[in-house]
C-alpha atoms as a PDB file:
ATOM      1  CA  UNK A   1      -0.035  -0.055   0.008  1.00  0.00           C
ATOM      2  CA  UNK A   2       1.241   3.490  -0.861  1.00  0.00           C
ATOM      3  CA  UNK A   3       1.624   6.164   1.799  1.00  0.00           C
ATOM      4  CA  UNK A   4      -0.358   9.294   1.301  1.00  0.00           C
ATOM      5  CA  UNK A   5       1.025  11.339  -1.603  1.00  0.00           C
ATOM      6  CA  UNK A   6       2.779   8.323  -3.194  1.00  0.00           C
ATOM      7  CA  UNK A   7       1.881   7.280  -6.709  1.00  0.00           C
ATOM      8  CA  UNK A   8       0.910   3.610  -7.116  1.00  0.00           C
ATOM      9  CA  UNK A   9       2.178   1.807 -10.201  1.00  0.00           C
ATOM     10  CA  UNK A  10       0.264  -0.981 -11.802  1.00  0.00           C
ATOM     11  CA  UNK A  11       1.295  -3.831 -14.112  1.00  0.00           C
ATOM     12  CA  UNK A  12      -1.610  -3.871 -16.531  1.00  0.00           C
ATOM     13  CA  UNK A  13      -1.771  -6.830 -18.950  1.00  0.00           C
ATOM     14  CA  UNK A  14      -3.820  -7.086 -22.115  1.00  0.00           C
ATOM     15  CA  UNK A  15      -5.712 -10.183 -23.024  1.00  0.00           C
ATOM     16  CA  UNK A  16      -5.140 -10.376 -26.825  1.00  0.00           C
ATOM     17  CA  UNK A  17      -7.986 -12.774 -27.316  1.00  0.00           C
ATOM     18  CA  UNK A  18     -10.711 -10.681 -25.759  1.00  0.00           C
ATOM     19  CA  UNK A  19      -9.284  -7.147 -25.824  1.00  0.00           C
ATOM     20  CA  UNK A  20      -9.702  -6.947 -22.102  1.00  0.00           C
ATOM     21  CA  UNK A  21      -7.181  -5.405 -19.705  1.00  0.00           C
ATOM     22  CA  UNK A  22      -6.399  -6.886 -16.251  1.00  0.00           C
ATOM     23  CA  UNK A  23      -4.310  -6.067 -13.195  1.00  0.00           C
ATOM     24  CA  UNK A  24      -3.537  -7.649  -9.776  1.00  0.00           C
ATOM     25  CA  UNK A  25      -3.010  -5.056  -7.084  1.00  0.00           C
ATOM     26  CA  UNK A  26      -2.961  -4.742  -3.265  1.00  0.00           C
ATOM     27  CA  UNK A  27      -4.620  -2.190  -0.988  1.00  0.00           C
ATOM     28  CA  UNK A  28      -4.975  -2.100   2.725  1.00  0.00           C
ATOM     29  CA  UNK A  29      -3.354  -5.507   3.172  1.00  0.00           C
ATOM     30  CA  UNK A  30      -5.835  -7.184   0.712  1.00  0.00           C
ATOM     31  CA  UNK A  31      -5.250  -8.485  -2.795  1.00  0.00           C
ATOM     32  CA  UNK A  32      -7.509  -7.684  -5.722  1.00  0.00           C
ATOM     33  CA  UNK A  33      -7.886  -8.379  -9.437  1.00  0.00           C
ATOM     34  CA  UNK A  34      -9.342  -5.700 -11.683  1.00  0.00           C
ATOM     35  CA  UNK A  35     -10.557  -6.181 -15.237  1.00  0.00           C
ATOM     36  CA  UNK A  36     -12.089  -3.890 -17.856  1.00  0.00           C
ATOM     37  CA  UNK A  37     -13.744  -5.561 -20.782  1.00  0.00           C
ATOM     38  CA  UNK A  38     -16.475  -5.579 -23.429  1.00  0.00           C
ATOM     39  CA  UNK A  39     -19.549  -7.408 -22.156  1.00  0.00           C
ATOM     40  CA  UNK A  40     -20.303 -10.271 -24.502  1.00  0.00           C
ATOM     41  CA  UNK A  41     -23.469  -9.970 -26.634  1.00  0.00           C
ATOM     42  CA  UNK A  42     -23.949  -6.298 -25.732  1.00  0.00           C
ATOM     43  CA  UNK A  43     -22.720  -2.842 -26.473  1.00  0.00           C
ATOM     44  CA  UNK A  44     -21.614  -2.270 -22.894  1.00  0.00           C
ATOM     45  CA  UNK A  45     -18.228  -2.246 -21.165  1.00  0.00           C
ATOM     46  CA  UNK A  46     -17.530  -2.851 -17.469  1.00  0.00           C
ATOM     47  CA  UNK A  47     -14.804  -2.668 -14.970  1.00  0.00           C
ATOM     48  CA  UNK A  48     -14.985  -5.309 -12.252  1.00  0.00           C
ATOM     49  CA  UNK A  49     -12.742  -5.590  -9.193  1.00  0.00           C
ATOM     50  CA  UNK A  50     -12.681  -8.920  -7.388  1.00  0.00           C
ATOM     51  CA  UNK A  51     -11.215  -9.608  -3.933  1.00  0.00           C
ATOM     52  CA  UNK A  52      -8.671 -12.416  -4.023  1.00  0.00           C
ATOM     53  CA  UNK A  53      -9.107 -12.849  -0.216  1.00  0.00           C
ATOM     54  CA  UNK A  54     -12.903 -13.110   0.030  1.00  0.00           C
ATOM     55  CA  UNK A  55     -15.117 -15.222  -2.260  1.00  0.00           C
ATOM     56  CA  UNK A  56     -18.178 -13.639  -3.885  1.00  0.00           C
ATOM     57  CA  UNK A  57     -17.092 -10.056  -3.246  1.00  0.00           C
ATOM     58  CA  UNK A  58     -16.950  -7.845  -6.267  1.00  0.00           C
ATOM     59  CA  UNK A  59     -17.223  -4.131  -7.116  1.00  0.00           C
ATOM     60  CA  UNK A  60     -18.047  -2.824 -10.538  1.00  0.00           C
ATOM     61  CA  UNK A  61     -18.746   0.073 -12.777  1.00  0.00           C
ATOM     62  CA  UNK A  62     -20.375   0.325 -16.316  1.00  0.00           C
ATOM     63  CA  UNK A  63     -19.240   2.218 -19.369  1.00  0.00           C
ATOM     64  CA  UNK A  64     -15.463   2.352 -18.629  1.00  0.00           C
ATOM     65  CA  UNK A  65     -13.132   2.760 -21.653  1.00  0.00           C
ATOM     66  CA  UNK A  66     -11.490  -0.617 -22.463  1.00  0.00           C
ATOM     67  CA  UNK A  67      -8.031   0.895 -22.205  1.00  0.00           C
ATOM     68  CA  UNK A  68      -5.092   0.767 -19.829  1.00  0.00           C
ATOM     69  CA  UNK A  69      -6.075   4.298 -18.667  1.00  0.00           C
ATOM     70  CA  UNK A  70      -9.631   3.246 -18.169  1.00  0.00           C
ATOM     71  CA  UNK A  71      -8.613   0.415 -15.960  1.00  0.00           C
ATOM     72  CA  UNK A  72      -6.287   2.454 -13.846  1.00  0.00           C
ATOM     73  CA  UNK A  73      -8.977   5.126 -13.402  1.00  0.00           C
ATOM     74  CA  UNK A  74     -11.363   2.429 -12.251  1.00  0.00           C
ATOM     75  CA  UNK A  75      -8.755   1.085  -9.716  1.00  0.00           C
ATOM     76  CA  UNK A  76      -8.097   4.515  -8.315  1.00  0.00           C
ATOM     77  CA  UNK A  77     -11.793   5.226  -7.947  1.00  0.00           C
ATOM     78  CA  UNK A  78     -12.099   1.944  -5.967  1.00  0.00           C
ATOM     79  CA  UNK A  79      -9.110   2.838  -3.756  1.00  0.00           C
ATOM     80  CA  UNK A  80     -10.587   6.272  -3.029  1.00  0.00           C
ATOM     81  CA  UNK A  81     -13.901   4.645  -2.113  1.00  0.00           C
ATOM     82  CA  UNK A  82     -12.115   2.253   0.310  1.00  0.00           C
ATOM     83  CA  UNK A  83     -10.151   5.101   1.867  1.00  0.00           C
ATOM     84  CA  UNK A  84     -13.334   7.231   2.400  1.00  0.00           C
ATOM     85  CA  UNK A  85     -14.942   4.236   4.243  1.00  0.00           C
ATOM     86  CA  UNK A  86     -12.163   3.998   6.800  1.00  0.00           C
END
């Protein structure tokens, strides 16, 4: 976890088969996986963040650009939300 004022860096990987972008990251001592993708059989896109520590716990947002920047923006929004809930 970064200290306040530090910039987090993410290793974003692209899935060449689907065009999705994914990233494993940590925050507050917990591990997460984030993915931004095109939703099959629709015109929508979504960003979904899954906890790797707790089963069946997910956070999501619709209409996120399927880009590296879109994924990082989604992760940063999630981290801000978690910080506000402390």
